[in-house]
Amino acid sequence: MQGEVPERCSVPIILRFLQDRLETKLAVSILRVYIAAISAQHVRVGNQTVGSHSLVTRFLKGAQRQTPYN
C-alpha cells in the first residue's frame, strides 16, 4: 500500500494486500509464498511472525475454503 513502511505495516494492511491478490484469482499456494516472503522481512507482531498471526492463518483457511481447487 502506498505510504506504508513494508517491514512495519499493520496486519490489516497485509490482509488487504492479500485480499486484493485473491480477488484477481491468484492461487492460494501463491498467497502462501507471498506470506512467507512478507514474514521473512517484516518485524514480529507481538511475539510471532506475520505468517503465524491468527488473523493471517484464518484468512488463508477461508481463502482455501473459498477456492478449494487451488
N, C-alpha and C. Protein backbone atom coordinates (compact mmCIF):
# COMPACT_ATOMS: atom_id res chain seq x y z
N MET A 1 0.84 -1.17 0.00
CA MET A 1 0.00 0.00 0.00
C MET A 1 0.88 1.23 0.00
N GLN A 2 0.43 2.22 -0.67
CA GLN A 2 1.19 3.44 -0.79
C GLN A 2 1.30 4.16 0.55
N GLY A 3 2.49 4.63 0.87
CA GLY A 3 2.71 5.37 2.10
C GLY A 3 2.99 4.50 3.30
N GLU A 4 2.98 3.19 3.16
CA GLU A 4 3.24 2.27 4.26
C GLU A 4 4.71 1.82 4.23
N VAL A 5 5.27 1.62 5.40
CA VAL A 5 6.61 1.03 5.51
C VAL A 5 6.42 -0.48 5.46
N PRO A 6 6.88 -1.14 4.41
CA PRO A 6 6.58 -2.56 4.22
C PRO A 6 6.98 -3.46 5.39
N GLU A 7 8.09 -3.16 6.03
CA GLU A 7 8.57 -4.02 7.12
C GLU A 7 7.81 -3.81 8.42
N ARG A 8 6.98 -2.78 8.48
CA ARG A 8 6.30 -2.44 9.73
C ARG A 8 4.81 -2.17 9.58
N CYS A 9 4.25 -2.47 8.44
CA CYS A 9 2.82 -2.18 8.25
C CYS A 9 1.97 -3.11 9.12
N SER A 10 0.76 -2.72 9.35
CA SER A 10 -0.12 -3.48 10.24
C SER A 10 -0.66 -4.74 9.55
N VAL A 11 -1.14 -5.65 10.36
CA VAL A 11 -1.72 -6.90 9.84
C VAL A 11 -2.93 -6.60 8.94
N PRO A 12 -3.82 -5.66 9.31
CA PRO A 12 -4.93 -5.35 8.39
C PRO A 12 -4.47 -4.88 7.01
N ILE A 13 -3.37 -4.15 6.94
CA ILE A 13 -2.84 -3.72 5.64
C ILE A 13 -2.37 -4.95 4.85
N ILE A 14 -1.71 -5.86 5.52
CA ILE A 14 -1.25 -7.09 4.85
C ILE A 14 -2.43 -7.91 4.37
N LEU A 15 -3.46 -8.01 5.19
CA LEU A 15 -4.66 -8.76 4.79
C LEU A 15 -5.35 -8.11 3.60
N ARG A 16 -5.38 -6.79 3.57
CA ARG A 16 -5.97 -6.09 2.42
C ARG A 16 -5.17 -6.40 1.15
N PHE A 17 -3.84 -6.40 1.27
CA PHE A 17 -2.98 -6.74 0.14
C PHE A 17 -3.28 -8.17 -0.35
N LEU A 18 -3.38 -9.11 0.58
CA LEU A 18 -3.66 -10.50 0.21
C LEU A 18 -5.05 -10.65 -0.40
N GLN A 19 -6.02 -9.94 0.15
CA GLN A 19 -7.39 -9.99 -0.38
C GLN A 19 -7.42 -9.46 -1.81
N ASP A 20 -6.69 -8.39 -2.06
CA ASP A 20 -6.62 -7.86 -3.43
C ASP A 20 -6.07 -8.91 -4.38
N ARG A 21 -5.06 -9.66 -3.96
CA ARG A 21 -4.49 -10.70 -4.80
C ARG A 21 -5.47 -11.85 -4.99
N LEU A 22 -6.18 -12.21 -3.94
CA LEU A 22 -7.16 -13.29 -4.02
C LEU A 22 -8.27 -12.93 -5.01
N GLU A 23 -8.67 -11.68 -5.01
CA GLU A 23 -9.74 -11.24 -5.92
C GLU A 23 -9.32 -11.26 -7.38
N THR A 24 -8.03 -11.31 -7.65
CA THR A 24 -7.56 -11.43 -9.03
C THR A 24 -7.38 -12.89 -9.43
N LYS A 25 -7.96 -13.79 -8.60
CA LYS A 25 -7.94 -15.24 -8.85
C LYS A 25 -6.55 -15.85 -8.69
N LEU A 26 -5.72 -15.25 -7.86
CA LEU A 26 -4.41 -15.80 -7.57
C LEU A 26 -4.59 -17.06 -6.72
N ALA A 27 -3.84 -18.08 -7.00
CA ALA A 27 -3.95 -19.35 -6.28
C ALA A 27 -3.54 -19.18 -4.83
N VAL A 28 -4.18 -19.93 -3.95
CA VAL A 28 -3.87 -19.88 -2.53
C VAL A 28 -2.41 -20.27 -2.29
N SER A 29 -1.90 -21.18 -3.06
CA SER A 29 -0.49 -21.57 -2.90
C SER A 29 0.44 -20.39 -3.16
N ILE A 30 0.08 -19.54 -4.07
CA ILE A 30 0.88 -18.34 -4.33
C ILE A 30 0.73 -17.35 -3.19
N LEU A 31 -0.46 -17.26 -2.61
CA LEU A 31 -0.65 -16.39 -1.44
C LEU A 31 0.26 -16.85 -0.30
N ARG A 32 0.43 -18.15 -0.16
CA ARG A 32 1.32 -18.68 0.88
C ARG A 32 2.77 -18.23 0.64
N VAL A 33 3.17 -18.18 -0.62
CA VAL A 33 4.51 -17.71 -0.96
C VAL A 33 4.64 -16.23 -0.61
N TYR A 34 3.62 -15.44 -0.91
CA TYR A 34 3.62 -14.03 -0.54
C TYR A 34 3.78 -13.88 0.97
N ILE A 35 3.03 -14.66 1.73
CA ILE A 35 3.07 -14.56 3.19
C ILE A 35 4.45 -14.95 3.72
N ALA A 36 5.05 -15.97 3.14
CA ALA A 36 6.39 -16.38 3.57
C ALA A 36 7.40 -15.26 3.30
N ALA A 37 7.30 -14.63 2.15
CA ALA A 37 8.21 -13.54 1.82
C ALA A 37 7.99 -12.34 2.74
N ILE A 38 6.75 -12.02 3.00
CA ILE A 38 6.45 -10.91 3.91
C ILE A 38 6.97 -11.22 5.30
N SER A 39 6.75 -12.43 5.77
CA SER A 39 7.19 -12.83 7.11
C SER A 39 8.70 -12.75 7.25
N ALA A 40 9.41 -13.07 6.19
CA ALA A 40 10.87 -13.06 6.24
C ALA A 40 11.42 -11.64 6.44
N GLN A 41 10.71 -10.64 5.96
CA GLN A 41 11.20 -9.26 6.02
C GLN A 41 10.52 -8.41 7.09
N HIS A 42 9.35 -8.81 7.50
CA HIS A 42 8.53 -7.99 8.41
C HIS A 42 8.98 -8.18 9.86
N VAL A 43 8.90 -7.12 10.64
CA VAL A 43 9.18 -7.25 12.07
C VAL A 43 8.11 -8.12 12.70
N ARG A 44 8.43 -8.71 13.82
CA ARG A 44 7.46 -9.55 14.51
C ARG A 44 6.28 -8.72 15.00
N VAL A 45 5.13 -9.35 15.00
CA VAL A 45 3.90 -8.72 15.51
C VAL A 45 3.64 -9.39 16.86
N GLY A 46 3.85 -8.63 17.92
CA GLY A 46 3.81 -9.25 19.24
C GLY A 46 5.03 -10.13 19.37
N ASN A 47 4.83 -11.41 19.54
CA ASN A 47 5.97 -12.32 19.62
C ASN A 47 5.94 -13.37 18.51
N GLN A 48 5.25 -13.06 17.41
CA GLN A 48 5.13 -14.04 16.33
C GLN A 48 5.35 -13.39 14.97
N THR A 49 5.64 -14.23 13.99
CA THR A 49 5.81 -13.73 12.63
C THR A 49 4.44 -13.42 12.04
N VAL A 50 4.44 -12.67 10.99
CA VAL A 50 3.18 -12.35 10.31
C VAL A 50 2.50 -13.62 9.83
N GLY A 51 3.27 -14.57 9.32
CA GLY A 51 2.70 -15.81 8.80
C GLY A 51 2.03 -16.67 9.84
N SER A 52 2.41 -16.52 11.10
CA SER A 52 1.77 -17.31 12.16
C SER A 52 0.75 -16.51 12.95
N HIS A 53 0.51 -15.28 12.53
CA HIS A 53 -0.50 -14.45 13.19
C HIS A 53 -1.88 -15.08 12.97
N SER A 54 -2.71 -15.08 14.00
CA SER A 54 -4.00 -15.77 13.92
C SER A 54 -4.90 -15.22 12.81
N LEU A 55 -4.89 -13.93 12.58
CA LEU A 55 -5.73 -13.38 11.52
C LEU A 55 -5.26 -13.81 10.13
N VAL A 56 -3.95 -13.91 9.96
CA VAL A 56 -3.41 -14.34 8.66
C VAL A 56 -3.72 -15.82 8.42
N THR A 57 -3.56 -16.65 9.45
CA THR A 57 -3.87 -18.08 9.25
C THR A 57 -5.36 -18.29 9.02
N ARG A 58 -6.21 -17.52 9.69
CA ARG A 58 -7.65 -17.62 9.46
C ARG A 58 -8.00 -17.16 8.04
N PHE A 59 -7.34 -16.11 7.58
CA PHE A 59 -7.55 -15.64 6.21
C PHE A 59 -7.23 -16.75 5.21
N LEU A 60 -6.08 -17.40 5.40
CA LEU A 60 -5.68 -18.47 4.48
C LEU A 60 -6.66 -19.64 4.50
N LYS A 61 -7.15 -20.01 5.67
CA LYS A 61 -8.14 -21.08 5.75
C LYS A 61 -9.41 -20.71 4.99
N GLY A 62 -9.84 -19.48 5.15
CA GLY A 62 -11.03 -19.02 4.43
C GLY A 62 -10.79 -18.98 2.93
N ALA A 63 -9.63 -18.54 2.53
CA ALA A 63 -9.31 -18.49 1.10
C ALA A 63 -9.28 -19.89 0.52
N GLN A 64 -8.76 -20.84 1.29
CA GLN A 64 -8.72 -22.23 0.82
C GLN A 64 -10.13 -22.80 0.66
N ARG A 65 -11.01 -22.48 1.61
CA ARG A 65 -12.39 -22.95 1.52
C ARG A 65 -13.12 -22.31 0.33
N GLN A 66 -12.82 -21.04 0.08
CA GLN A 66 -13.46 -20.31 -1.00
C GLN A 66 -13.03 -20.84 -2.36
N THR A 67 -11.78 -21.25 -2.47
CA THR A 67 -11.24 -21.74 -3.74
C THR A 67 -10.56 -23.08 -3.53
N PRO A 68 -11.32 -24.13 -3.24
CA PRO A 68 -10.71 -25.43 -2.91
C PRO A 68 -9.94 -26.06 -4.05
N TYR A 69 -10.14 -25.61 -5.25
CA TYR A 69 -9.43 -26.18 -6.40
C TYR A 69 -8.01 -25.68 -6.51
N ASN A 70 -7.61 -24.69 -5.71
CA ASN A 70 -6.25 -24.14 -5.74
C ASN A 70 -5.33 -24.89 -4.82
